[in-house]
Amino acid sequence: MMTRPLLLAVLLSFGGSIVFAQTPPPAPAPAPPRANGPALTPSLKAAEAAVTACAAKGYKVTALITDSAGDPVVLLSGDGAALRTQGIARTKVATVLKYKVASGEIAARVKTDPKLADEIKADPAIGMARQGAVPILSGSEILGVFAVSGAPGGEKDEACIKVALDLVPLS
C-alpha cells in the first residue's frame, strides 16, 4: 500500500493535479475617473486650432490641455515639433496649477523676485518659469490648463492659445 506522499508524487508525475477549493479573489475596484476638466471633443478641437495657428506662423509646437489635476486630456504635437516641447508644456501646466495664474505672470514675477525664482528652480515639476500656459476657468474654479510649447518665445505660444480659445471656448 502506498503512503500518501508517495501517492501524491505519483499522481503529479503523471500530469495530475490536486485542486484545492479556493475562494475567488474579490473583483478589483473600478478605477476612479480623471479629475474634473474640459471635455474631450472641444479640447481636441482647441489643441488642433492652437497647433494650426502656430504652424501658420512657421512654429512647430505641442498643445497640452489638462484636467484640474494636471493630467492630460489632449496632448497634440504638431508635425516636426521637438519631443522636448511635450515636457516643457508639462512644466508650464505645473506652474499654472501651483500658482493659480497664467504661467507668463509667474515668468514676469520671477525677474524681480529672487525668492520666487529660487522656489521655481527648486520645484522639479517646474524648474524654470516660462510663458505659454493659461488656466481654463469655470467661474473662479480652475477646470484645467491649456499650454503650448515650441514657438520662439512664450508670448508666441500664448498667442496661439488665444487664437484657439477664440475659436473653441473650453470653459
N, C-alpha and C. Protein backbone atom coordinates (compact mmCIF):
# COMPACT_ATOMS: atom_id res chain seq x y z
N MET A 1 0.84 -1.18 0.00
CA MET A 1 0.00 0.00 0.00
C MET A 1 0.89 1.25 0.00
N MET A 2 0.50 2.23 -0.85
CA MET A 2 1.29 3.45 -0.98
C MET A 2 0.95 4.41 0.14
N THR A 3 1.97 5.14 0.53
CA THR A 3 1.71 6.19 1.52
C THR A 3 1.20 7.43 0.79
N ARG A 4 0.59 8.29 1.52
CA ARG A 4 0.01 9.49 0.90
C ARG A 4 1.05 10.33 0.16
N PRO A 5 2.19 10.62 0.74
CA PRO A 5 3.17 11.42 0.00
C PRO A 5 3.62 10.74 -1.29
N LEU A 6 3.77 9.41 -1.24
CA LEU A 6 4.19 8.69 -2.42
C LEU A 6 3.09 8.72 -3.48
N LEU A 7 1.84 8.55 -3.06
CA LEU A 7 0.70 8.61 -3.98
C LEU A 7 0.62 9.99 -4.63
N LEU A 8 0.81 11.02 -3.85
CA LEU A 8 0.80 12.38 -4.38
C LEU A 8 1.91 12.56 -5.41
N ALA A 9 3.11 12.09 -5.13
CA ALA A 9 4.23 12.21 -6.07
C ALA A 9 3.93 11.46 -7.35
N VAL A 10 3.32 10.29 -7.28
CA VAL A 10 2.99 9.51 -8.46
C VAL A 10 1.94 10.24 -9.30
N LEU A 11 0.92 10.77 -8.66
CA LEU A 11 -0.12 11.48 -9.39
C LEU A 11 0.45 12.71 -10.10
N LEU A 12 1.29 13.45 -9.41
CA LEU A 12 1.87 14.65 -10.00
C LEU A 12 2.82 14.32 -11.15
N SER A 13 3.51 13.20 -11.05
CA SER A 13 4.43 12.82 -12.13
C SER A 13 3.69 12.44 -13.39
N PHE A 14 2.45 12.05 -13.31
CA PHE A 14 1.64 11.72 -14.49
C PHE A 14 0.84 12.91 -14.99
N GLY A 15 1.19 14.07 -14.53
CA GLY A 15 0.49 15.27 -15.01
C GLY A 15 -0.80 15.52 -14.24
N GLY A 16 -1.03 14.78 -13.26
CA GLY A 16 -2.24 15.00 -12.46
C GLY A 16 -2.05 16.22 -11.59
N SER A 17 -3.11 16.69 -11.08
CA SER A 17 -3.00 17.82 -10.17
C SER A 17 -4.07 17.70 -9.11
N ILE A 18 -3.80 18.33 -8.05
CA ILE A 18 -4.75 18.34 -6.96
C ILE A 18 -5.36 19.73 -6.92
N VAL A 19 -6.65 19.79 -6.87
CA VAL A 19 -7.34 21.07 -6.86
C VAL A 19 -7.85 21.31 -5.45
N PHE A 20 -7.48 22.41 -4.91
CA PHE A 20 -7.95 22.80 -3.60
C PHE A 20 -9.02 23.86 -3.77
N ALA A 21 -10.06 23.75 -3.03
CA ALA A 21 -11.14 24.72 -3.11
C ALA A 21 -10.62 26.06 -2.60
N GLN A 22 -10.83 27.09 -3.40
CA GLN A 22 -10.39 28.42 -3.01
C GLN A 22 -11.53 29.40 -3.23
N THR A 23 -11.52 30.39 -2.42
CA THR A 23 -12.48 31.47 -2.61
C THR A 23 -11.93 32.36 -3.71
N PRO A 24 -12.74 32.66 -4.71
CA PRO A 24 -12.21 33.52 -5.79
C PRO A 24 -11.82 34.89 -5.22
N PRO A 25 -10.79 35.49 -5.81
CA PRO A 25 -10.38 36.82 -5.32
C PRO A 25 -11.49 37.82 -5.58
N PRO A 26 -11.56 38.84 -4.75
CA PRO A 26 -12.60 39.85 -4.97
C PRO A 26 -12.33 40.61 -6.27
N ALA A 27 -13.38 41.05 -6.89
CA ALA A 27 -13.24 41.83 -8.13
C ALA A 27 -12.54 43.14 -7.79
N PRO A 28 -11.63 43.59 -8.66
CA PRO A 28 -10.95 44.85 -8.38
C PRO A 28 -11.93 46.01 -8.40
N ALA A 29 -11.64 46.97 -7.56
CA ALA A 29 -12.48 48.17 -7.52
C ALA A 29 -12.33 48.91 -8.85
N PRO A 30 -13.38 49.52 -9.33
CA PRO A 30 -13.24 50.27 -10.59
C PRO A 30 -12.27 51.44 -10.40
N ALA A 31 -11.51 51.71 -11.44
CA ALA A 31 -10.55 52.82 -11.39
C ALA A 31 -11.32 54.13 -11.30
N PRO A 32 -10.83 55.06 -10.49
CA PRO A 32 -11.53 56.34 -10.39
C PRO A 32 -11.42 57.11 -11.71
N PRO A 33 -12.42 57.93 -12.01
CA PRO A 33 -12.35 58.74 -13.24
C PRO A 33 -11.30 59.84 -13.06
N ARG A 34 -10.91 60.44 -14.18
CA ARG A 34 -9.97 61.55 -14.08
C ARG A 34 -10.64 62.71 -13.35
N ALA A 35 -9.85 63.66 -12.94
CA ALA A 35 -10.35 64.82 -12.22
C ALA A 35 -11.26 65.65 -13.13
N ASN A 36 -11.97 66.57 -12.52
CA ASN A 36 -12.83 67.48 -13.27
C ASN A 36 -11.98 68.23 -14.30
N GLY A 37 -12.52 68.37 -15.50
CA GLY A 37 -11.75 69.06 -16.53
C GLY A 37 -12.58 69.29 -17.77
N PRO A 38 -11.99 69.92 -18.77
CA PRO A 38 -12.71 70.18 -20.01
C PRO A 38 -13.02 68.88 -20.74
N ALA A 39 -14.09 68.89 -21.51
CA ALA A 39 -14.50 67.70 -22.27
C ALA A 39 -13.51 67.41 -23.40
N LEU A 40 -13.47 66.15 -23.80
CA LEU A 40 -12.51 65.71 -24.81
C LEU A 40 -12.70 66.39 -26.16
N THR A 41 -13.92 66.39 -26.70
CA THR A 41 -14.12 66.89 -28.07
C THR A 41 -13.71 68.36 -28.22
N PRO A 42 -14.18 69.27 -27.37
CA PRO A 42 -13.71 70.65 -27.54
C PRO A 42 -12.22 70.81 -27.23
N SER A 43 -11.70 69.99 -26.32
CA SER A 43 -10.26 70.06 -26.02
C SER A 43 -9.44 69.66 -27.24
N LEU A 44 -9.87 68.62 -27.91
CA LEU A 44 -9.17 68.17 -29.12
C LEU A 44 -9.21 69.25 -30.20
N LYS A 45 -10.39 69.86 -30.38
CA LYS A 45 -10.53 70.92 -31.38
C LYS A 45 -9.67 72.13 -31.03
N ALA A 46 -9.63 72.49 -29.75
CA ALA A 46 -8.83 73.64 -29.32
C ALA A 46 -7.34 73.37 -29.48
N ALA A 47 -6.90 72.18 -29.11
CA ALA A 47 -5.48 71.83 -29.27
C ALA A 47 -5.09 71.86 -30.74
N GLU A 48 -5.95 71.32 -31.58
CA GLU A 48 -5.67 71.33 -33.02
C GLU A 48 -5.63 72.77 -33.56
N ALA A 49 -6.54 73.62 -33.07
CA ALA A 49 -6.56 75.02 -33.51
C ALA A 49 -5.28 75.74 -33.10
N ALA A 50 -4.77 75.45 -31.90
CA ALA A 50 -3.53 76.09 -31.45
C ALA A 50 -2.34 75.63 -32.29
N VAL A 51 -2.25 74.33 -32.54
CA VAL A 51 -1.15 73.80 -33.36
C VAL A 51 -1.22 74.38 -34.77
N THR A 52 -2.42 74.48 -35.31
CA THR A 52 -2.62 75.03 -36.65
C THR A 52 -2.25 76.52 -36.70
N ALA A 53 -2.67 77.27 -35.67
CA ALA A 53 -2.36 78.70 -35.62
C ALA A 53 -0.85 78.92 -35.56
N CYS A 54 -0.17 78.14 -34.77
CA CYS A 54 1.29 78.27 -34.69
C CYS A 54 1.96 77.82 -35.98
N ALA A 55 1.46 76.73 -36.58
CA ALA A 55 2.04 76.23 -37.83
C ALA A 55 1.92 77.28 -38.94
N ALA A 56 0.82 78.04 -38.93
CA ALA A 56 0.62 79.08 -39.94
C ALA A 56 1.70 80.16 -39.83
N LYS A 57 2.32 80.27 -38.66
CA LYS A 57 3.41 81.24 -38.46
C LYS A 57 4.78 80.57 -38.54
N GLY A 58 4.78 79.30 -38.88
CA GLY A 58 6.04 78.57 -39.03
C GLY A 58 6.56 77.93 -37.75
N TYR A 59 5.73 77.87 -36.70
CA TYR A 59 6.15 77.31 -35.42
C TYR A 59 5.66 75.86 -35.30
N LYS A 60 6.55 74.97 -34.92
CA LYS A 60 6.22 73.56 -34.71
C LYS A 60 6.05 73.34 -33.22
N VAL A 61 4.81 73.18 -32.78
CA VAL A 61 4.52 73.20 -31.35
C VAL A 61 3.75 71.96 -30.89
N THR A 62 3.70 71.85 -29.57
CA THR A 62 2.86 70.88 -28.88
C THR A 62 1.81 71.66 -28.11
N ALA A 63 0.57 71.17 -28.15
CA ALA A 63 -0.51 71.74 -27.34
C ALA A 63 -0.92 70.69 -26.31
N LEU A 64 -1.04 71.10 -25.08
CA LEU A 64 -1.43 70.21 -23.99
C LEU A 64 -2.59 70.84 -23.24
N ILE A 65 -3.67 70.09 -23.13
CA ILE A 65 -4.82 70.52 -22.34
C ILE A 65 -5.01 69.47 -21.26
N THR A 66 -5.07 69.94 -20.02
CA THR A 66 -5.17 69.03 -18.88
C THR A 66 -6.46 69.25 -18.10
N ASP A 67 -6.72 68.30 -17.21
CA ASP A 67 -7.82 68.46 -16.27
C ASP A 67 -7.32 69.27 -15.07
N SER A 68 -8.15 69.40 -14.06
CA SER A 68 -7.80 70.24 -12.91
C SER A 68 -6.67 69.66 -12.06
N ALA A 69 -6.35 68.38 -12.24
CA ALA A 69 -5.25 67.75 -11.51
C ALA A 69 -3.95 67.78 -12.32
N GLY A 70 -4.03 68.28 -13.55
CA GLY A 70 -2.83 68.34 -14.40
C GLY A 70 -2.63 67.11 -15.25
N ASP A 71 -3.60 66.20 -15.26
CA ASP A 71 -3.48 65.02 -16.10
C ASP A 71 -3.99 65.34 -17.50
N PRO A 72 -3.30 64.84 -18.53
CA PRO A 72 -3.65 65.21 -19.91
C PRO A 72 -5.06 64.78 -20.32
N VAL A 73 -5.76 65.69 -20.95
CA VAL A 73 -7.00 65.38 -21.67
C VAL A 73 -6.61 65.20 -23.13
N VAL A 74 -5.75 66.12 -23.63
CA VAL A 74 -5.24 66.06 -25.00
C VAL A 74 -3.77 66.51 -25.00
N LEU A 75 -2.94 65.73 -25.65
CA LEU A 75 -1.56 66.12 -25.91
C LEU A 75 -1.36 65.94 -27.40
N LEU A 76 -1.17 67.04 -28.10
CA LEU A 76 -1.09 67.02 -29.55
C LEU A 76 0.19 67.71 -29.99
N SER A 77 1.09 66.94 -30.59
CA SER A 77 2.35 67.51 -31.10
C SER A 77 2.24 67.66 -32.60
N GLY A 78 2.46 68.87 -33.07
CA GLY A 78 2.39 69.12 -34.50
C GLY A 78 3.52 68.43 -35.24
N ASP A 79 3.36 68.28 -36.54
CA ASP A 79 4.39 67.67 -37.37
C ASP A 79 5.70 68.43 -37.19
N GLY A 80 6.74 67.70 -36.86
CA GLY A 80 8.06 68.31 -36.70
C GLY A 80 8.32 68.94 -35.35
N ALA A 81 7.36 68.91 -34.43
CA ALA A 81 7.58 69.51 -33.10
C ALA A 81 8.62 68.69 -32.36
N ALA A 82 9.51 69.36 -31.68
CA ALA A 82 10.55 68.68 -30.91
C ALA A 82 9.92 67.94 -29.73
N LEU A 83 10.48 66.79 -29.41
CA LEU A 83 9.97 65.98 -28.30
C LEU A 83 9.99 66.77 -26.99
N ARG A 84 10.99 67.59 -26.81
CA ARG A 84 11.10 68.33 -25.54
C ARG A 84 9.95 69.30 -25.32
N THR A 85 9.23 69.67 -26.38
CA THR A 85 8.10 70.59 -26.21
C THR A 85 7.01 69.96 -25.34
N GLN A 86 6.91 68.64 -25.36
CA GLN A 86 5.92 67.96 -24.51
C GLN A 86 6.26 68.16 -23.03
N GLY A 87 7.53 67.95 -22.69
CA GLY A 87 7.96 68.13 -21.30
C GLY A 87 7.86 69.57 -20.85
N ILE A 88 8.22 70.49 -21.73
CA ILE A 88 8.14 71.91 -21.37
C ILE A 88 6.68 72.31 -21.15
N ALA A 89 5.77 71.81 -21.98
CA ALA A 89 4.35 72.11 -21.78
C ALA A 89 3.90 71.63 -20.40
N ARG A 90 4.39 70.48 -19.98
CA ARG A 90 4.02 69.96 -18.65
C ARG A 90 4.52 70.88 -17.54
N THR A 91 5.72 71.46 -17.70
CA THR A 91 6.22 72.37 -16.66
C THR A 91 5.38 73.64 -16.60
N LYS A 92 4.90 74.08 -17.74
CA LYS A 92 4.02 75.26 -17.78
C LYS A 92 2.70 74.95 -17.07
N VAL A 93 2.16 73.75 -17.29
CA VAL A 93 0.93 73.34 -16.61
C VAL A 93 1.16 73.32 -15.10
N ALA A 94 2.27 72.75 -14.67
CA ALA A 94 2.57 72.68 -13.23
C ALA A 94 2.64 74.08 -12.62
N THR A 95 3.18 75.04 -13.37
CA THR A 95 3.26 76.42 -12.89
C THR A 95 1.87 76.99 -12.67
N VAL A 96 0.99 76.81 -13.65
CA VAL A 96 -0.37 77.34 -13.53
C VAL A 96 -1.10 76.70 -12.35
N LEU A 97 -0.98 75.40 -12.21
CA LEU A 97 -1.70 74.72 -11.12
C LEU A 97 -1.16 75.12 -9.74
N LYS A 98 0.15 75.34 -9.64
CA LYS A 98 0.73 75.69 -8.35
C LYS A 98 0.39 77.13 -7.95
N TYR A 99 0.44 78.05 -8.91
CA TYR A 99 0.28 79.46 -8.58
C TYR A 99 -1.08 80.05 -8.95
N LYS A 100 -1.90 79.26 -9.64
CA LYS A 100 -3.29 79.63 -9.96
C LYS A 100 -3.42 80.86 -10.87
N VAL A 101 -2.39 81.11 -11.68
CA VAL A 101 -2.41 82.20 -12.66
C VAL A 101 -1.70 81.71 -13.92
N ALA A 102 -1.79 82.50 -14.99
CA ALA A 102 -1.09 82.16 -16.23
C ALA A 102 0.41 82.05 -15.96
N SER A 103 1.06 81.12 -16.65
CA SER A 103 2.49 80.91 -16.43
C SER A 103 3.31 82.15 -16.80
N GLY A 104 2.83 82.94 -17.74
CA GLY A 104 3.52 84.17 -18.11
C GLY A 104 3.59 85.17 -16.97
N GLU A 105 2.55 85.18 -16.15
CA GLU A 105 2.55 86.08 -15.00
C GLU A 105 3.66 85.69 -14.02
N ILE A 106 3.84 84.40 -13.82
CA ILE A 106 4.91 83.93 -12.93
C ILE A 106 6.28 84.19 -13.56
N ALA A 107 6.40 83.97 -14.86
CA ALA A 107 7.67 84.25 -15.55
C ALA A 107 8.06 85.71 -15.40
N ALA A 108 7.10 86.61 -15.43
CA ALA A 108 7.38 88.04 -15.25
C ALA A 108 7.79 88.34 -13.81
N ARG A 109 7.10 87.72 -12.84
CA ARG A 109 7.40 87.96 -11.43
C ARG A 109 8.77 87.43 -11.03
N VAL A 110 9.19 86.34 -11.64
CA VAL A 110 10.49 85.74 -11.32
C VAL A 110 11.64 86.71 -11.59
N LYS A 111 11.46 87.58 -12.58
CA LYS A 111 12.51 88.53 -12.96
C LYS A 111 12.83 89.52 -11.85
N THR A 112 11.86 89.79 -10.96
CA THR A 112 12.07 90.78 -9.90
C THR A 112 11.94 90.18 -8.50
N ASP A 113 11.71 88.88 -8.41
CA ASP A 113 11.51 88.24 -7.11
C ASP A 113 12.46 87.04 -6.97
N PRO A 114 13.65 87.27 -6.40
CA PRO A 114 14.64 86.20 -6.29
C PRO A 114 14.14 85.00 -5.46
N LYS A 115 13.33 85.26 -4.45
CA LYS A 115 12.80 84.17 -3.63
C LYS A 115 11.90 83.27 -4.48
N LEU A 116 11.05 83.88 -5.30
CA LEU A 116 10.18 83.10 -6.19
C LEU A 116 11.02 82.36 -7.23
N ALA A 117 12.05 83.01 -7.75
CA ALA A 117 12.94 82.38 -8.73
C ALA A 117 13.59 81.12 -8.13
N ASP A 118 14.04 81.22 -6.89
CA ASP A 118 14.64 80.06 -6.21
C ASP A 118 13.61 78.96 -5.99
N GLU A 119 12.41 79.36 -5.62
CA GLU A 119 11.33 78.38 -5.40
C GLU A 119 11.01 77.62 -6.69
N ILE A 120 10.95 78.34 -7.79
CA ILE A 120 10.67 77.73 -9.10
C ILE A 120 11.79 76.76 -9.47
N LYS A 121 13.04 77.19 -9.32
CA LYS A 121 14.19 76.33 -9.66
C LYS A 121 14.21 75.07 -8.82
N ALA A 122 13.76 75.17 -7.57
CA ALA A 122 13.79 74.02 -6.66
C ALA A 122 12.65 73.04 -6.89
N ASP A 123 11.64 73.45 -7.63
CA ASP A 123 10.48 72.59 -7.87
C ASP A 123 10.76 71.70 -9.09
N PRO A 124 10.93 70.39 -8.90
CA PRO A 124 11.27 69.53 -10.03
C PRO A 124 10.17 69.45 -11.10
N ALA A 125 8.96 69.79 -10.76
CA ALA A 125 7.87 69.77 -11.75
C ALA A 125 7.90 71.02 -12.63
N ILE A 126 8.63 72.05 -12.18
CA ILE A 126 8.67 73.32 -12.94
C ILE A 126 10.08 73.61 -13.44
N GLY A 127 11.00 73.86 -12.53
CA GLY A 127 12.40 74.09 -12.90
C GLY A 127 12.71 75.46 -13.46
N MET A 128 11.85 75.95 -14.35
CA MET A 128 12.06 77.27 -14.95
C MET A 128 10.69 77.86 -15.29
N ALA A 129 10.50 79.13 -14.96
CA ALA A 129 9.24 79.79 -15.28
C ALA A 129 9.22 80.17 -16.75
N ARG A 130 8.16 79.76 -17.44
CA ARG A 130 8.02 80.05 -18.87
C ARG A 130 6.60 80.50 -19.17
N GLN A 131 6.48 81.42 -20.06
CA GLN A 131 5.17 81.86 -20.53
C GLN A 131 4.64 80.82 -21.53
N GLY A 132 3.31 80.69 -21.60
CA GLY A 132 2.71 79.81 -22.61
C GLY A 132 1.69 78.84 -22.07
N ALA A 133 1.14 79.11 -20.88
CA ALA A 133 0.05 78.28 -20.35
C ALA A 133 -0.92 79.17 -19.61
N VAL A 134 -2.20 78.87 -19.78
CA VAL A 134 -3.25 79.65 -19.13
C VAL A 134 -4.22 78.72 -18.42
N PRO A 135 -4.79 79.20 -17.32
CA PRO A 135 -5.81 78.38 -16.67
C PRO A 135 -7.09 78.38 -17.49
N ILE A 136 -7.78 77.26 -17.48
CA ILE A 136 -9.12 77.16 -18.06
C ILE A 136 -10.06 77.26 -16.87
N LEU A 137 -10.86 78.31 -16.84
CA LEU A 137 -11.68 78.59 -15.68
C LEU A 137 -13.15 78.27 -15.91
N SER A 138 -13.78 77.83 -14.84
CA SER A 138 -15.23 77.70 -14.79
C SER A 138 -15.63 78.56 -13.59
N GLY A 139 -16.05 79.78 -13.88
CA GLY A 139 -16.24 80.75 -12.81
C GLY A 139 -14.86 81.10 -12.27
N SER A 140 -14.65 80.90 -10.97
CA SER A 140 -13.33 81.15 -10.39
C SER A 140 -12.55 79.86 -10.16
N GLU A 141 -13.14 78.73 -10.51
CA GLU A 141 -12.51 77.42 -10.31
C GLU A 141 -11.67 77.03 -11.54
N ILE A 142 -10.47 76.51 -11.28
CA ILE A 142 -9.63 76.03 -12.38
C ILE A 142 -10.16 74.68 -12.85
N LEU A 143 -10.62 74.67 -14.09
CA LEU A 143 -11.16 73.46 -14.71
C LEU A 143 -10.03 72.65 -15.35
N GLY A 144 -8.94 73.32 -15.73
CA GLY A 144 -7.81 72.68 -16.38
C GLY A 144 -6.81 73.72 -16.79
N VAL A 145 -5.87 73.30 -17.63
CA VAL A 145 -4.82 74.21 -18.11
C VAL A 145 -4.61 73.96 -19.60
N PHE A 146 -4.35 75.02 -20.34
CA PHE A 146 -4.06 74.95 -21.77
C PHE A 146 -2.64 75.49 -21.95
N ALA A 147 -1.73 74.64 -22.41
CA ALA A 147 -0.34 75.03 -22.61
C ALA A 147 0.08 74.76 -24.05
N VAL A 148 0.94 75.61 -24.57
CA VAL A 148 1.56 75.42 -25.88
C VAL A 148 3.05 75.64 -25.69
N SER A 149 3.85 74.83 -26.39
CA SER A 149 5.30 74.95 -26.30
C SER A 149 5.92 74.68 -27.66
N GLY A 150 6.91 75.47 -28.00
CA GLY A 150 7.65 75.24 -29.23
C GLY A 150 7.88 76.47 -30.09
N ALA A 151 7.05 77.49 -29.90
CA ALA A 151 7.27 78.74 -30.65
C ALA A 151 8.50 79.43 -30.07
N PRO A 152 9.13 80.33 -30.82
CA PRO A 152 10.32 81.01 -30.30
C PRO A 152 9.94 82.13 -29.32
N GLY A 153 9.45 81.72 -28.17
CA GLY A 153 9.05 82.68 -27.14
C GLY A 153 7.67 82.36 -26.61
N GLY A 154 7.53 82.41 -25.30
CA GLY A 154 6.26 82.08 -24.66
C GLY A 154 5.11 82.97 -25.06
N GLU A 155 5.41 84.25 -25.41
CA GLU A 155 4.32 85.13 -25.84
C GLU A 155 3.72 84.63 -27.15
N LYS A 156 4.52 83.99 -27.99
CA LYS A 156 4.01 83.42 -29.24
C LYS A 156 3.21 82.15 -28.98
N ASP A 157 3.66 81.35 -28.01
CA ASP A 157 2.88 80.18 -27.59
C ASP A 157 1.51 80.62 -27.09
N GLU A 158 1.52 81.64 -26.25
CA GLU A 158 0.27 82.12 -25.66
C GLU A 158 -0.65 82.74 -26.72
N ALA A 159 -0.08 83.36 -27.73
CA ALA A 159 -0.89 83.92 -28.82
C ALA A 159 -1.65 82.81 -29.55
N CYS A 160 -1.01 81.66 -29.72
CA CYS A 160 -1.68 80.53 -30.38
C CYS A 160 -2.81 79.98 -29.50
N ILE A 161 -2.61 80.01 -28.19
CA ILE A 161 -3.68 79.60 -27.27
C ILE A 161 -4.87 80.55 -27.41
N LYS A 162 -4.59 81.84 -27.47
CA LYS A 162 -5.67 82.83 -27.60
C LYS A 162 -6.48 82.61 -28.87
N VAL A 163 -5.79 82.37 -29.99
CA VAL A 163 -6.49 82.09 -31.26
C VAL A 163 -7.39 80.87 -31.07
N ALA A 164 -6.85 79.84 -30.46
CA ALA A 164 -7.63 78.61 -30.27
C ALA A 164 -8.84 78.83 -29.38
N LEU A 165 -8.66 79.54 -28.29
CA LEU A 165 -9.78 79.77 -27.35
C LEU A 165 -10.83 80.69 -27.95
N ASP A 166 -10.44 81.58 -28.86
CA ASP A 166 -11.41 82.40 -29.55
C ASP A 166 -12.29 81.55 -30.46
N LEU A 167 -11.70 80.48 -31.01
CA LEU A 167 -12.45 79.57 -31.91
C LEU A 167 -13.24 78.52 -31.13
N VAL A 168 -12.63 78.01 -30.05
CA VAL A 168 -13.23 76.90 -29.29
C VAL A 168 -13.13 77.20 -27.80
N PRO A 169 -14.13 77.83 -27.22
CA PRO A 169 -14.10 78.09 -25.78
C PRO A 169 -14.13 76.78 -25.00
N LEU A 170 -13.35 76.71 -23.92
CA LEU A 170 -13.28 75.47 -23.13
C LEU A 170 -13.95 75.58 -21.77
N SER A 171 -14.34 76.74 -21.35
CA SER A 171 -14.95 76.86 -20.02
C SER A 171 -16.46 76.82 -20.08
